[in-house]
PDB file of N, CA and C in Angstrom:
ATOM      1  N   UNK A   1       1.055  -1.121   0.024  1.00  0.00           N
ATOM      2  CA  UNK A   1      -0.118  -0.034   0.093  1.00  0.00           C
ATOM      3  C   UNK A   1       0.856   1.314   0.110  1.00  0.00           C
ATOM      4  N   UNK A   2       1.862   1.370   0.807  1.00  0.00           N
ATOM      5  CA  UNK A   2       2.937   2.419   0.858  1.00  0.00           C
ATOM      6  C   UNK A   2       3.570   2.817  -0.591  1.00  0.00           C
ATOM      7  N   UNK A   3       3.481   1.704  -1.433  1.00  0.00           N
ATOM      8  CA  UNK A   3       4.408   1.972  -2.724  1.00  0.00           C
ATOM      9  C   UNK A   3       3.543   2.741  -3.278  1.00  0.00           C
ATOM     10  N   UNK A   4       2.079   2.849  -3.095  1.00  0.00           N
ATOM     11  CA  UNK A   4       1.453   3.727  -3.934  1.00  0.00           C
ATOM     12  C   UNK A   4       0.761   4.699  -3.346  1.00  0.00           C
ATOM     13  N   UNK A   5       1.071   5.098  -2.346  1.00  0.00           N
ATOM     14  CA  UNK A   5       1.005   6.310  -1.857  1.00  0.00           C
ATOM     15  C   UNK A   5       0.373   7.581  -2.552  1.00  0.00           C
ATOM     16  N   UNK A   6       1.385   7.819  -3.493  1.00  0.00           N
ATOM     17  CA  UNK A   6       1.343   9.183  -4.085  1.00  0.00           C
ATOM     18  C   UNK A   6       0.632   8.840  -5.445  1.00  0.00           C
ATOM     19  N   UNK A   7      -0.121   7.658  -5.980  1.00  0.00           N
ATOM     20  CA  UNK A   7      -0.818   7.424  -7.070  1.00  0.00           C
ATOM     21  C   UNK A   7      -1.977   7.133  -6.871  1.00  0.00           C
ATOM     22  N   UNK A   8      -2.794   7.279  -7.918  1.00  0.00           N
ATOM     23  CA  UNK A   8      -4.038   7.603  -7.777  1.00  0.00           C
ATOM     24  C   UNK A   8      -4.367   5.935  -8.107  1.00  0.00           C
ATOM     25  N   UNK A   9      -4.319   5.122  -7.154  1.00  0.00           N
ATOM     26  CA  UNK A   9      -4.443   3.727  -7.208  1.00  0.00           C
ATOM     27  C   UNK A   9      -4.939   3.312  -5.801  1.00  0.00           C
ATOM     28  N   UNK A  10      -5.806   2.515  -5.675  1.00  0.00           N
ATOM     29  CA  UNK A  10      -6.378   1.846  -4.267  1.00  0.00           C
ATOM     30  C   UNK A  10      -6.123   0.543  -4.537  1.00  0.00           C
ATOM     31  N   UNK A  11      -5.799  -0.336  -3.164  1.00  0.00           N
ATOM     32  CA  UNK A  11      -5.497  -1.303  -3.045  1.00  0.00           C
ATOM     33  C   UNK A  11      -7.100  -2.204  -2.303  1.00  0.00           C
ATOM     34  N   UNK A  12      -7.427  -3.087  -2.763  1.00  0.00           N
ATOM     35  CA  UNK A  12      -8.272  -3.551  -1.835  1.00  0.00           C
ATOM     36  C   UNK A  12      -7.907  -4.978  -1.168  1.00  0.00           C
ATOM     37  N   UNK A  13      -8.081  -5.302   0.121  1.00  0.00           N
ATOM     38  CA  UNK A  13      -7.383  -6.453   0.919  1.00  0.00           C
ATOM     39  C   UNK A  13      -8.409  -7.434   0.789  1.00  0.00           C
ATOM     40  N   UNK A  14      -8.188  -8.563   0.397  1.00  0.00           N
ATOM     41  CA  UNK A  14      -8.650  -9.779   0.481  1.00  0.00           C
ATOM     42  C   UNK A  14      -9.200 -10.508   1.680  1.00  0.00           C
ATOM     43  N   UNK A  15      -9.143  -9.777   2.798  1.00  0.00           N
ATOM     44  CA  UNK A  15      -9.777 -10.699   3.948  1.00  0.00           C
ATOM     45  C   UNK A  15      -9.979  -9.409   4.668  1.00  0.00           C
ATOM     46  N   UNK A  16     -10.523  -9.861   5.572  1.00  0.00           N
ATOM     47  CA  UNK A  16     -10.714  -8.958   6.893  1.00  0.00           C
ATOM     48  C   UNK A  16      -9.954  -9.256   7.994  1.00  0.00           C
ATOM     49  N   UNK A  17      -9.194 -10.416   7.773  1.00  0.00           N
ATOM     50  CA  UNK A  17      -8.342 -10.618   9.183  1.00  0.00           C
ATOM     51  C   UNK A  17      -7.376  -9.234   9.406  1.00  0.00           C
ATOM     52  N   UNK A  18      -6.902  -8.802   8.585  1.00  0.00           N
ATOM     53  CA  UNK A  18      -5.848  -7.644   8.808  1.00  0.00           C
ATOM     54  C   UNK A  18      -6.470  -6.388   7.867  1.00  0.00           C
ATOM     55  N   UNK A  19      -7.445  -6.099   8.432  1.00  0.00           N
ATOM     56  CA  UNK A  19      -8.112  -4.876   8.128  1.00  0.00           C
ATOM     57  C   UNK A  19      -7.442  -3.383   8.510  1.00  0.00           C
ATOM     58  N   UNK A  20      -7.319  -3.612   9.938  1.00  0.00           N
ATOM     59  CA  UNK A  20      -6.791  -2.582  10.748  1.00  0.00           C
ATOM     60  C   UNK A  20      -5.318  -1.958  10.243  1.00  0.00           C
ATOM     61  N   UNK A  21      -4.350  -2.805  10.388  1.00  0.00           N
ATOM     62  CA  UNK A  21      -2.958  -2.300   9.748  1.00  0.00           C
ATOM     63  C   UNK A  21      -3.302  -2.009   8.077  1.00  0.00           C
ATOM     64  N   UNK A  22      -3.711  -2.861   7.112  1.00  0.00           N
ATOM     65  CA  UNK A  22      -4.180  -1.941   5.946  1.00  0.00           C
ATOM     66  C   UNK A  22      -4.951  -0.559   5.840  1.00  0.00           C
ATOM     67  N   UNK A  23      -5.778  -0.903   6.876  1.00  0.00           N
ATOM     68  CA  UNK A  23      -6.326   0.836   6.967  1.00  0.00           C
ATOM     69  C   UNK A  23      -5.859   2.039   7.215  1.00  0.00           C
ATOM     70  N   UNK A  24      -4.858   1.556   8.025  1.00  0.00           N
ATOM     71  CA  UNK A  24      -3.601   2.748   8.671  1.00  0.00           C
ATOM     72  C   UNK A  24      -2.621   3.021   7.183  1.00  0.00           C
ATOM     73  N   UNK A  25      -2.432   2.162   6.720  1.00  0.00           N
ATOM     74  CA  UNK A  25      -1.558   2.302   5.647  1.00  0.00           C
ATOM     75  C   UNK A  25      -2.108   2.982   4.235  1.00  0.00           C
ATOM     76  N   UNK A  26      -3.655   3.186   4.446  1.00  0.00           N
ATOM     77  CA  UNK A  26      -4.116   3.714   3.167  1.00  0.00           C
ATOM     78  C   UNK A  26      -5.045   3.014   2.414  1.00  0.00           C
ATOM     79  N   UNK A  27      -5.331   1.858   2.628  1.00  0.00           N
ATOM     80  CA  UNK A  27      -6.081   0.672   1.555  1.00  0.00           C
ATOM     81  C   UNK A  27      -7.227   1.129   1.957  1.00  0.00           C
ATOM     82  N   UNK A  28      -8.404   1.238   0.953  1.00  0.00           N
ATOM     83  CA  UNK A  28      -9.905   1.780   1.271  1.00  0.00           C
ATOM     84  C   UNK A  28     -10.807   0.648   1.103  1.00  0.00           C
ATOM     85  N   UNK A  29     -10.523  -0.622   0.911  1.00  0.00           N
ATOM     86  CA  UNK A  29     -11.312  -1.770   0.822  1.00  0.00           C
ATOM     87  C   UNK A  29     -10.969  -2.942   1.494  1.00  0.00           C
ATOM     88  N   UNK A  30     -11.928  -3.939   1.857  1.00  0.00           N
ATOM     89  CA  UNK A  30     -11.567  -5.051   1.810  1.00  0.00           C
ATOM     90  C   UNK A  30     -12.843  -6.000   1.790  1.00  0.00           C
ATOM     91  N   UNK A  31     -12.288  -7.373   1.560  1.00  0.00           N
ATOM     92  CA  UNK A  31     -13.145  -8.158   0.755  1.00  0.00           C
ATOM     93  C   UNK A  31     -13.401  -9.568   2.102  1.00  0.00           C
ATOM     94  N   UNK A  32     -14.484  -9.159   3.227  1.00  0.00           N
ATOM     95  CA  UNK A  32     -14.712  -9.770   4.188  1.00  0.00           C
ATOM     96  C   UNK A  32     -15.503 -10.918   4.177  1.00  0.00           C
ATOM     97  N   UNK A  33     -14.978 -12.408   3.939  1.00  0.00           N
ATOM     98  CA  UNK A  33     -15.298 -13.883   4.023  1.00  0.00           C
ATOM     99  C   UNK A  33     -16.534 -13.865   5.021  1.00  0.00           C
ATOM    100  N   UNK A  34     -15.964 -13.484   6.392  1.00  0.00           N
ATOM    101  CA  UNK A  34     -17.293 -13.310   7.103  1.00  0.00           C
ATOM    102  C   UNK A  34     -18.252 -12.663   7.318  1.00  0.00           C
ATOM    103  N   UNK A  35     -18.409 -11.517   6.026  1.00  0.00           N
ATOM    104  CA  UNK A  35     -19.476 -11.050   6.003  1.00  0.00           C
ATOM    105  C   UNK A  35     -20.692 -11.833   5.508  1.00  0.00           C
ATOM    106  N   UNK A  36     -20.399 -12.820   4.677  1.00  0.00           N
ATOM    107  CA  UNK A  36     -21.308 -13.803   4.541  1.00  0.00           C
ATOM    108  C   UNK A  36     -22.468 -13.789   5.810  1.00  0.00           C
ATOM    109  N   UNK A  37     -21.621 -14.290   7.070  1.00  0.00           N
ATOM    110  CA  UNK A  37     -22.460 -14.610   8.121  1.00  0.00           C
ATOM    111  C   UNK A  37     -22.800 -13.647   8.932  1.00  0.00           C
ATOM    112  N   UNK A  38     -21.826 -12.495   9.036  1.00  0.00           N
ATOM    113  CA  UNK A  38     -22.143 -11.275   9.984  1.00  0.00           C
ATOM    114  C   UNK A  38     -21.201 -10.277   9.279  1.00  0.00           C
ATOM    115  N   UNK A  39     -22.295  -9.843   8.580  1.00  0.00           N
ATOM    116  CA  UNK A  39     -21.888  -8.465   7.546  1.00  0.00           C
ATOM    117  C   UNK A  39     -21.740  -7.555   8.769  1.00  0.00           C
ATOM    118  N   UNK A  40     -22.807  -7.425   9.472  1.00  0.00           N
ATOM    119  CA  UNK A  40     -23.016  -6.250  10.676  1.00  0.00           C
ATOM    120  C   UNK A  40     -21.355  -5.681  11.601  1.00  0.00           C
ATOM    121  N   UNK A  41     -20.404  -6.846  11.867  1.00  0.00           N
ATOM    122  CA  UNK A  41     -19.547  -6.660  12.577  1.00  0.00           C
ATOM    123  C   UNK A  41     -18.537  -6.022  11.579  1.00  0.00           C
ATOM    124  N   UNK A  42     -18.805  -6.147  10.299  1.00  0.00           N
ATOM    125  CA  UNK A  42     -17.546  -6.043   9.372  1.00  0.00           C
ATOM    126  C   UNK A  42     -18.088  -4.522   8.964  1.00  0.00           C
ATOM    127  N   UNK A  43     -19.155  -4.375   9.001  1.00  0.00           N
ATOM    128  CA  UNK A  43     -19.410  -3.085   8.478  1.00  0.00           C
ATOM    129  C   UNK A  43     -18.644  -2.023   9.864  1.00  0.00           C
ATOM    130  N   UNK A  44     -19.108  -2.395  10.918  1.00  0.00           N
ATOM    131  CA  UNK A  44     -18.800  -1.643  12.186  1.00  0.00           C
ATOM    132  C   UNK A  44     -17.485  -1.452  12.003  1.00  0.00           C
ATOM    133  N   UNK A  45     -16.440  -2.442  11.808  1.00  0.00           N
ATOM    134  CA  UNK A  45     -14.866  -1.945  11.638  1.00  0.00           C
ATOM    135  C   UNK A  45     -14.732  -1.321  10.328  1.00  0.00           C
ATOM    136  N   UNK A  46     -15.649  -1.261   9.452  1.00  0.00           N
ATOM    137  CA  UNK A  46     -14.801  -0.741   8.459  1.00  0.00           C
ATOM    138  C   UNK A  46     -15.230   0.993   8.384  1.00  0.00           C
ATOM    139  N   UNK A  47     -16.333   1.298   9.306  1.00  0.00           N
ATOM    140  CA  UNK A  47     -17.116   2.447   9.420  1.00  0.00           C
ATOM    141  C   UNK A  47     -16.190   2.991  10.300  1.00  0.00           C
ATOM    142  N   UNK A  48     -15.421   2.400  11.639  1.00  0.00           N
ATOM    143  CA  UNK A  48     -14.786   2.930  12.489  1.00  0.00           C
ATOM    144  C   UNK A  48     -13.722   3.308  11.912  1.00  0.00           C
ATOM    145  N   UNK A  49     -12.939   2.631  10.953  1.00  0.00           N
ATOM    146  CA  UNK A  49     -11.635   3.222  10.269  1.00  0.00           C
ATOM    147  C   UNK A  49     -11.881   4.197   9.411  1.00  0.00           C
ATOM    148  N   UNK A  50     -13.054   4.278   8.441  1.00  0.00           N
ATOM    149  CA  UNK A  50     -13.604   5.583   8.099  1.00  0.00           C
ATOM    150  C   UNK A  50     -13.242   6.675   9.044  1.00  0.00           C
ATOM    151  N   UNK A  51     -13.886   6.926  10.486  1.00  0.00           N
ATOM    152  CA  UNK A  51     -13.892   7.873  11.278  1.00  0.00           C
ATOM    153  C   UNK A  51     -12.839   8.097  12.218  1.00  0.00           C
ATOM    154  N   UNK A  52     -11.789   7.141  12.005  1.00  0.00           N
ATOM    155  CA  UNK A  52     -10.057   7.279  12.356  1.00  0.00           C
ATOM    156  C   UNK A  52     -10.559   6.911  13.724  1.00  0.00           C
ATOM    157  N   UNK A  53     -11.303   6.043  13.941  1.00  0.00           N
ATOM    158  CA  UNK A  53     -11.373   5.856  15.399  1.00  0.00           C
ATOM    159  C   UNK A  53     -10.395   4.523  15.648  1.00  0.00           C
ATOM    160  N   UNK A  54      -9.645   4.596  15.461  1.00  0.00           N
ATOM    161  CA  UNK A  54      -8.708   3.345  15.624  1.00  0.00           C
ATOM    162  C   UNK A  54      -8.837   2.510  16.844  1.00  0.00           C
ATOM    163  N   UNK A  55      -9.006   3.216  18.101  1.00  0.00           N
ATOM    164  CA  UNK A  55      -9.020   2.149  19.100  1.00  0.00           C
ATOM    165  C   UNK A  55     -10.357   1.352  19.197  1.00  0.00           C
ATOM    166  N   UNK A  56     -11.337   2.075  18.554  1.00  0.00           N
ATOM    167  CA  UNK A  56     -12.750   1.167  18.172  1.00  0.00           C
ATOM    168  C   UNK A  56     -12.421   0.087  17.210  1.00  0.00           C
ATOM    169  N   UNK A  57     -11.693   0.326  16.381  1.00  0.00           N
ATOM    170  CA  UNK A  57     -11.542  -0.381  15.400  1.00  0.00           C
ATOM    171  C   UNK A  57     -10.620  -1.535  15.603  1.00  0.00           C
ATOM    172  N   UNK A  58      -9.344  -1.356  16.601  1.00  0.00           N
ATOM    173  CA  UNK A  58      -8.953  -2.296  16.887  1.00  0.00           C
ATOM    174  C   UNK A  58      -9.684  -3.245  17.691  1.00  0.00           C
ATOM    175  N   UNK A  59     -10.563  -2.930  18.606  1.00  0.00           N
ATOM    176  CA  UNK A  59     -11.483  -3.623  19.367  1.00  0.00           C
ATOM    177  C   UNK A  59     -11.769  -4.698  18.254  1.00  0.00           C
ATOM    178  N   UNK A  60     -12.636  -4.220  17.701  1.00  0.00           N
ATOM    179  CA  UNK A  60     -13.252  -4.991  16.584  1.00  0.00           C
ATOM    180  C   UNK A  60     -12.915  -5.701  15.913  1.00  0.00           C
ATOM    181  N   UNK A  61     -11.569  -5.785  15.449  1.00  0.00           N
ATOM    182  CA  UNK A  61     -10.575  -6.292  14.680  1.00  0.00           C
ATOM    183  C   UNK A  61      -9.940  -7.477  15.550  1.00  0.00           C
ATOM    184  N   UNK A  62      -9.992  -7.526  16.806  1.00  0.00           N
ATOM    185  CA  UNK A  62     -10.042  -8.841  17.455  1.00  0.00           C
ATOM    186  C   UNK A  62     -10.780  -9.444  17.662  1.00  0.00           C
ATOM    187  N   UNK A  63     -12.222  -8.860  17.874  1.00  0.00           N
ATOM    188  CA  UNK A  63     -13.354  -9.240  17.587  1.00  0.00           C
ATOM    189  C   UNK A  63     -13.642 -10.302  16.569  1.00  0.00           C
ATOM    190  N   UNK A  64     -13.303  -9.608  15.117  1.00  0.00           N
ATOM    191  CA  UNK A  64     -13.500 -10.167  14.156  1.00  0.00           C
ATOM    192  C   UNK A  64     -12.835 -11.281  14.269  1.00  0.00           C
ATOM    193  N   UNK A  65     -11.084 -11.496  14.081  1.00  0.00           N
ATOM    194  CA  UNK A  65     -10.611 -12.399  14.319  1.00  0.00           C
ATOM    195  C   UNK A  65     -10.881 -13.866  15.218  1.00  0.00           C
ATOM    196  N   UNK A  66     -11.331 -13.414  16.370  1.00  0.00           N
ATOM    197  CA  UNK A  66     -11.631 -14.308  17.509  1.00  0.00           C
ATOM    198  C   UNK A  66     -12.587 -15.194  16.757  1.00  0.00           C
ATOM    199  N   UNK A  67     -13.698 -14.134  15.581  1.00  0.00           N
ATOM    200  CA  UNK A  67     -14.787 -14.973  15.213  1.00  0.00           C
ATOM    201  C   UNK A  67     -14.487 -15.951  14.021  1.00  0.00           C
ATOM    202  N   UNK A  68     -13.558 -15.112  13.411  1.00  0.00           N
ATOM    203  CA  UNK A  68     -12.750 -15.978  12.290  1.00  0.00           C
ATOM    204  C   UNK A  68     -12.123 -17.561  13.085  1.00  0.00           C
ATOM    205  N   UNK A  69     -11.651 -17.500  13.978  1.00  0.00           N
ATOM    206  CA  UNK A  69     -11.237 -18.900  14.387  1.00  0.00           C
ATOM    207  C   UNK A  69     -12.440 -19.790  14.597  1.00  0.00           C
ATOM    208  N   UNK A  70     -13.582 -19.131  14.638  1.00  0.00           N
ATOM    209  CA  UNK A  70     -14.877 -20.310  15.192  1.00  0.00           C
ATOM    210  C   UNK A  70     -15.087 -20.402  13.619  1.00  0.00           C
ATOM    211  N   UNK A  71     -14.553 -20.159  12.421  1.00  0.00           N
ATOM    212  CA  UNK A  71     -14.908 -21.241  10.868  1.00  0.00           C
ATOM    213  C   UNK A  71     -14.222 -22.096  10.824  1.00  0.00           C
ATOM    214  N   UNK A  72     -12.893 -22.405  11.894  1.00  0.00           N
ATOM    215  CA  UNK A  72     -12.343 -23.492  11.788  1.00  0.00           C
ATOM    216  C   UNK A  72     -12.824 -24.736  12.624  1.00  0.00           C
ATOM    217  N   UNK A  73     -13.932 -24.518  13.264  1.00  0.00           N
ATOM    218  CA  UNK A  73     -14.466 -25.517  14.099  1.00  0.00           C
ATOM    219  C   UNK A  73     -15.304 -26.363  13.151  1.00  0.00           C
ATOM    220  N   UNK A  74     -15.756 -26.321  11.834  1.00  0.00           N
ATOM    221  CA  UNK A  74     -16.025 -27.199  11.022  1.00  0.00           C
ATOM    222  C   UNK A  74     -15.085 -27.608   9.807  1.00  0.00           C
ATOM    223  N   UNK A  75     -15.361 -28.797   9.271  1.00  0.00           N
ATOM    224  CA  UNK A  75     -14.615 -29.180   8.060  1.00  0.00           C
ATOM    225  C   UNK A  75     -13.588 -28.621   7.455  1.00  0.00           C
ATOM    226  N   UNK A  76     -14.350 -27.220   6.922  1.00  0.00           N
ATOM    227  CA  UNK A  76     -13.884 -26.221   6.071  1.00  0.00           C
ATOM    228  C   UNK A  76     -14.445 -24.786   6.473  1.00  0.00           C
ATOM    229  N   UNK A  77     -13.651 -23.749   6.097  1.00  0.00           N
ATOM    230  CA  UNK A  77     -14.639 -22.150   6.621  1.00  0.00           C
ATOM    231  C   UNK A  77     -15.747 -22.304   5.840  1.00  0.00           C
ATOM    232  N   UNK A  78     -15.986 -22.916   4.310  1.00  0.00           N
ATOM    233  CA  UNK A  78     -17.242 -22.537   3.827  1.00  0.00           C
ATOM    234  C   UNK A  78     -18.402 -23.072   4.633  1.00  0.00           C
ATOM    235  N   UNK A  79     -18.272 -24.643   5.111  1.00  0.00           N
ATOM    236  CA  UNK A  79     -19.328 -24.809   5.909  1.00  0.00           C
ATOM    237  C   UNK A  79     -19.467 -24.393   7.224  1.00  0.00           C
ATOM    238  N   UNK A  80     -18.388 -23.648   7.774  1.00  0.00           N
ATOM    239  CA  UNK A  80     -18.795 -23.045   9.148  1.00  0.00           C
ATOM    240  C   UNK A  80     -19.615 -22.100   8.966  1.00  0.00           C
ATOM    241  N   UNK A  81     -19.710 -21.399   7.828  1.00  0.00           N
ATOM    242  CA  UNK A  81     -20.244 -20.111   7.549  1.00  0.00           C
ATOM    243  C   UNK A  81     -21.826 -20.359   7.402  1.00  0.00           C
ATOM    244  N   UNK A  82     -21.671 -21.691   6.452  1.00  0.00           N
ATOM    245  CA  UNK A  82     -23.041 -22.249   6.442  1.00  0.00           C
ATOM    246  C   UNK A  82     -23.791 -22.435   7.780  1.00  0.00           C
ATOM    247  N   UNK A  83     -23.094 -23.069   8.524  1.00  0.00           N
ATOM    248  CA  UNK A  83     -23.616 -23.732   9.807  1.00  0.00           C
ATOM    249  C   UNK A  83     -23.969 -22.015  10.633  1.00  0.00           C
ATOM    250  N   UNK A  84     -23.024 -20.938  10.760  1.00  0.00           N
ATOM    251  CA  UNK A  84     -23.541 -19.527  11.264  1.00  0.00           C
ATOM    252  C   UNK A  84     -24.611 -19.351  10.618  1.00  0.00           C
ATOM    253  N   UNK A  85     -24.617 -19.199   9.296  1.00  0.00           N
ATOM    254  CA  UNK A  85     -26.314 -18.805   8.989  1.00  0.00           C
ATOM    255  C   UNK A  85     -27.264 -19.431   9.375  1.00  0.00           C
ATOM    256  N   UNK A  86     -26.981 -21.030   9.871  1.00  0.00           N
ATOM    257  CA  UNK A  86     -28.263 -21.714   9.762  1.00  0.00           C
ATOM    258  C   UNK A  86     -28.540 -21.430  11.467  1.00  0.00           C
ATOM    259  N   UNK A  87     -27.563 -21.175  12.046  1.00  0.00           N
ATOM    260  CA  UNK A  87     -27.652 -20.920  13.701  1.00  0.00           C
ATOM    261  C   UNK A  87     -28.415 -19.773  14.135  1.00  0.00           C
ATOM    262  N   UNK A  88     -27.698 -18.661  13.026  1.00  0.00           N
ATOM    263  CA  UNK A  88     -28.572 -17.435  13.038  1.00  0.00           C
ATOM    264  C   UNK A  88     -30.008 -17.167  12.600  1.00  0.00           C
ATOM    265  N   UNK A  89     -30.302 -18.096  12.314  1.00  0.00           N
ATOM    266  CA  UNK A  89     -31.480 -18.654  11.401  1.00  0.00           C
ATOM    267  C   UNK A  89     -31.991 -17.553  10.340  1.00  0.00           C
ATOM    268  N   UNK A  90     -30.902 -17.402   9.528  1.00  0.00           N
ATOM    269  CA  UNK A  90     -31.069 -16.731   8.128  1.00  0.00           C
ATOM    270  C   UNK A  90     -31.421 -17.787   7.304  1.00  0.00           C
ATOM    271  N   UNK A  91     -30.501 -18.960   6.752  1.00  0.00           N
ATOM    272  CA  UNK A  91     -31.305 -19.971   5.907  1.00  0.00           C
ATOM    273  C   UNK A  91     -30.403 -21.161   6.203  1.00  0.00           C
ATOM    274  N   UNK A  92     -31.134 -21.935   5.690  1.00  0.00           N
ATOM    275  CA  UNK A  92     -30.069 -23.491   5.707  1.00  0.00           C
ATOM    276  C   UNK A  92     -29.584 -23.602   4.388  1.00  0.00           C
ATOM    277  N   UNK A  93     -28.729 -24.065   4.456  1.00  0.00           N
ATOM    278  CA  UNK A  93     -27.638 -24.193   3.221  1.00  0.00           C
ATOM    279  C   UNK A  93     -27.253 -25.588   2.876  1.00  0.00           C
ATOM    280  N   UNK A  94     -27.344 -25.895   1.654  1.00  0.00           N
ATOM    281  CA  UNK A  94     -27.134 -27.503   1.214  1.00  0.00           C
ATOM    282  C   UNK A  94     -25.407 -27.259   0.544  1.00  0.00           C
ATOM    283  N   UNK A  95     -24.308 -27.836   1.069  1.00  0.00           N
ATOM    284  CA  UNK A  95     -23.546 -27.370   0.088  1.00  0.00           C
ATOM    285  C   UNK A  95     -23.308 -28.531  -0.975  1.00  0.00           C
ATOM    286  N   UNK A  96     -22.656 -28.343  -1.917  1.00  0.00           N
ATOM    287  CA  UNK A  96     -22.623 -29.010  -3.206  1.00  0.00           C
ATOM    288  C   UNK A  96     -21.372 -30.642  -2.969  1.00  0.00           C
ATOM    289  N   UNK A  97     -21.307 -31.258  -3.772  1.00  0.00           N
ATOM    290  CA  UNK A  97     -20.515 -32.075  -2.907  1.00  0.00           C
ATOM    291  C   UNK A  97     -19.101 -31.685  -3.849  1.00  0.00           C
ATOM    292  N   UNK A  98     -17.923 -31.894  -3.278  1.00  0.00           N
ATOM    293  CA  UNK A  98     -17.977 -33.174  -1.871  1.00  0.00           C
ATOM    294  C   UNK A  98     -17.862 -32.692  -0.606  1.00  0.00           C
ATOM    295  N   UNK A  99     -18.643 -31.798  -0.858  1.00  0.00           N
ATOM    296  CA  UNK A  99     -18.917 -31.055   0.675  1.00  0.00           C
ATOM    297  C   UNK A  99     -20.006 -31.628   1.389  1.00  0.00           C
ATOM    298  N   UNK A 100     -20.061 -32.036   3.023  1.00  0.00           N
ATOM    299  CA  UNK A 100     -21.496 -32.188   3.168  1.00  0.00           C
ATOM    300  C   UNK A 100     -21.440 -31.252   4.483  1.00  0.00           C
ATOM    301  N   UNK A 101     -22.405 -31.139   4.829  1.00  0.00           N
ATOM    302  CA  UNK A 101     -23.039 -30.265   5.636  1.00  0.00           C
ATOM    303  C   UNK A 101     -22.597 -30.461   7.412  1.00  0.00           C
ATOM    304  N   UNK A 102     -22.057 -29.164   8.214  1.00  0.00           N
ATOM    305  CA  UNK A 102     -21.516 -29.228   9.347  1.00  0.00           C
ATOM    306  C   UNK A 102     -22.340 -30.586  10.164  1.00  0.00           C
ATOM    307  N   UNK A 103     -21.504 -31.326  11.018  1.00  0.00           N
ATOM    308  CA  UNK A 103     -22.074 -32.530  11.811  1.00  0.00           C
ATOM    309  C   UNK A 103     -22.700 -31.712  12.952  1.00  0.00           C
ATOM    310  N   UNK A 104     -23.617 -32.273  13.553  1.00  0.00           N
ATOM    311  CA  UNK A 104     -24.003 -31.853  14.800  1.00  0.00           C
ATOM    312  C   UNK A 104     -23.289 -31.342  15.799  1.00  0.00           C
ATOM    313  N   UNK A 105     -22.209 -31.964  15.977  1.00  0.00           N
ATOM    314  CA  UNK A 105     -21.370 -31.774  16.650  1.00  0.00           C
ATOM    315  C   UNK A 105     -20.530 -30.805  16.641  1.00  0.00           C
ATOM    316  N   UNK A 106     -20.055 -30.248  15.222  1.00  0.00           N
ATOM    317  CA  UNK A 106     -19.562 -29.092  14.793  1.00  0.00           C
ATOM    318  C   UNK A 106     -20.772 -27.820  14.787  1.00  0.00           C
ATOM    319  N   UNK A 107     -22.098 -28.145  14.736  1.00  0.00           N
ATOM    320  CA  UNK A 107     -22.880 -27.136  15.060  1.00  0.00           C
ATOM    321  C   UNK A 107     -22.746 -26.630  16.233  1.00  0.00           C
ATOM    322  N   UNK A 108     -22.926 -27.506  17.625  1.00  0.00           N
ATOM    323  CA  UNK A 108     -23.357 -27.325  18.616  1.00  0.00           C
ATOM    324  C   UNK A 108     -21.984 -26.959  19.083  1.00  0.00           C
ATOM    325  N   UNK A 109     -20.838 -26.727  18.827  1.00  0.00           N
ATOM    326  CA  UNK A 109     -19.567 -26.349  18.926  1.00  0.00           C
ATOM    327  C   UNK A 109     -19.409 -25.108  18.450  1.00  0.00           C
ATOM    328  N   UNK A 110     -19.856 -24.512  17.138  1.00  0.00           N
ATOM    329  CA  UNK A 110     -19.874 -23.087  16.805  1.00  0.00           C
ATOM    330  C   UNK A 110     -20.689 -22.405  17.221  1.00  0.00           C
ATOM    331  N   UNK A 111     -22.391 -23.029  17.858  1.00  0.00           N
ATOM    332  CA  UNK A 111     -23.299 -22.233  18.383  1.00  0.00           C
ATOM    333  C   UNK A 111     -22.499 -21.859  19.741  1.00  0.00           C
ATOM    334  N   UNK A 112     -21.860 -22.868  20.732  1.00  0.00           N
ATOM    335  CA  UNK A 112     -21.375 -22.594  22.219  1.00  0.00           C
ATOM    336  C   UNK A 112     -20.353 -20.963  21.685  1.00  0.00           C
ATOM    337  N   UNK A 113     -19.897 -21.457  20.802  1.00  0.00           N
ATOM    338  CA  UNK A 113     -18.634 -20.446  20.729  1.00  0.00           C
ATOM    339  C   UNK A 113     -19.054 -18.837  20.709  1.00  0.00           C
ATOM    340  N   UNK A 114     -20.162 -18.658  19.580  1.00  0.00           N
ATOM    341  CA  UNK A 114     -20.595 -17.562  19.292  1.00  0.00           C
ATOM    342  C   UNK A 114     -21.788 -17.408  20.424  1.00  0.00           C
ATOM    343  N   UNK A 115     -22.378 -17.942  21.252  1.00  0.00           N
ATOM    344  CA  UNK A 115     -22.771 -17.684  22.212  1.00  0.00           C
ATOM    345  C   UNK A 115     -21.818 -16.958  23.199  1.00  0.00           C
ATOM    346  N   UNK A 116     -20.574 -17.543  23.726  1.00  0.00           N
ATOM    347  CA  UNK A 116     -19.698 -17.274  24.548  1.00  0.00           C
ATOM    348  C   UNK A 116     -19.287 -15.958  24.016  1.00  0.00           C
ATOM    349  N   UNK A 117     -19.113 -15.423  22.851  1.00  0.00           N
ATOM    350  CA  UNK A 117     -18.728 -14.261  22.467  1.00  0.00           C
ATOM    351  C   UNK A 117     -19.744 -13.141  22.043  1.00  0.00           C
ATOM    352  N   UNK A 118     -21.048 -13.438  22.558  1.00  0.00           N
ATOM    353  CA  UNK A 118     -22.258 -12.827  22.489  1.00  0.00           C
ATOM    354  C   UNK A 118     -22.405 -12.220  20.908  1.00  0.00           C
ATOM    355  N   UNK A 119     -22.170 -13.298  20.069  1.00  0.00           N
ATOM    356  CA  UNK A 119     -22.669 -13.322  18.581  1.00  0.00           C
ATOM    357  C   UNK A 119     -24.194 -13.233  18.433  1.00  0.00           C
ATOM    358  N   UNK A 120     -24.694 -14.437  19.546  1.00  0.00           N
ATOM    359  CA  UNK A 120     -26.035 -14.478  19.087  1.00  0.00           C
ATOM    360  C   UNK A 120     -26.483 -14.653  20.599  1.00  0.00           C
TER     361      UNK A 120
END
């Protein structure tokens, strides 16, 4: 990002995991996979960075990164997102082969972690 600071050029970060440092360096956008299940917290972090509220953005970044860890409680991050959508009551997803839906144990582990984080 610093290499292009004097150019008419923007860089979009391909993840929400490192948004805070990227925003500080001047990045203007990120593509948050987590937003498929929790768009509101991703928007919150983005808006905090636009306001220059770096302390709030830092706290939200840490919460997002903890939430990203939840995505590894299923066989794949995609299946964890599907599970989160189901747990939130948004939709029930049917993964394509070769994937299968999260197991009951995975769903329960994800649910417990989301509850402990006050996300549901």
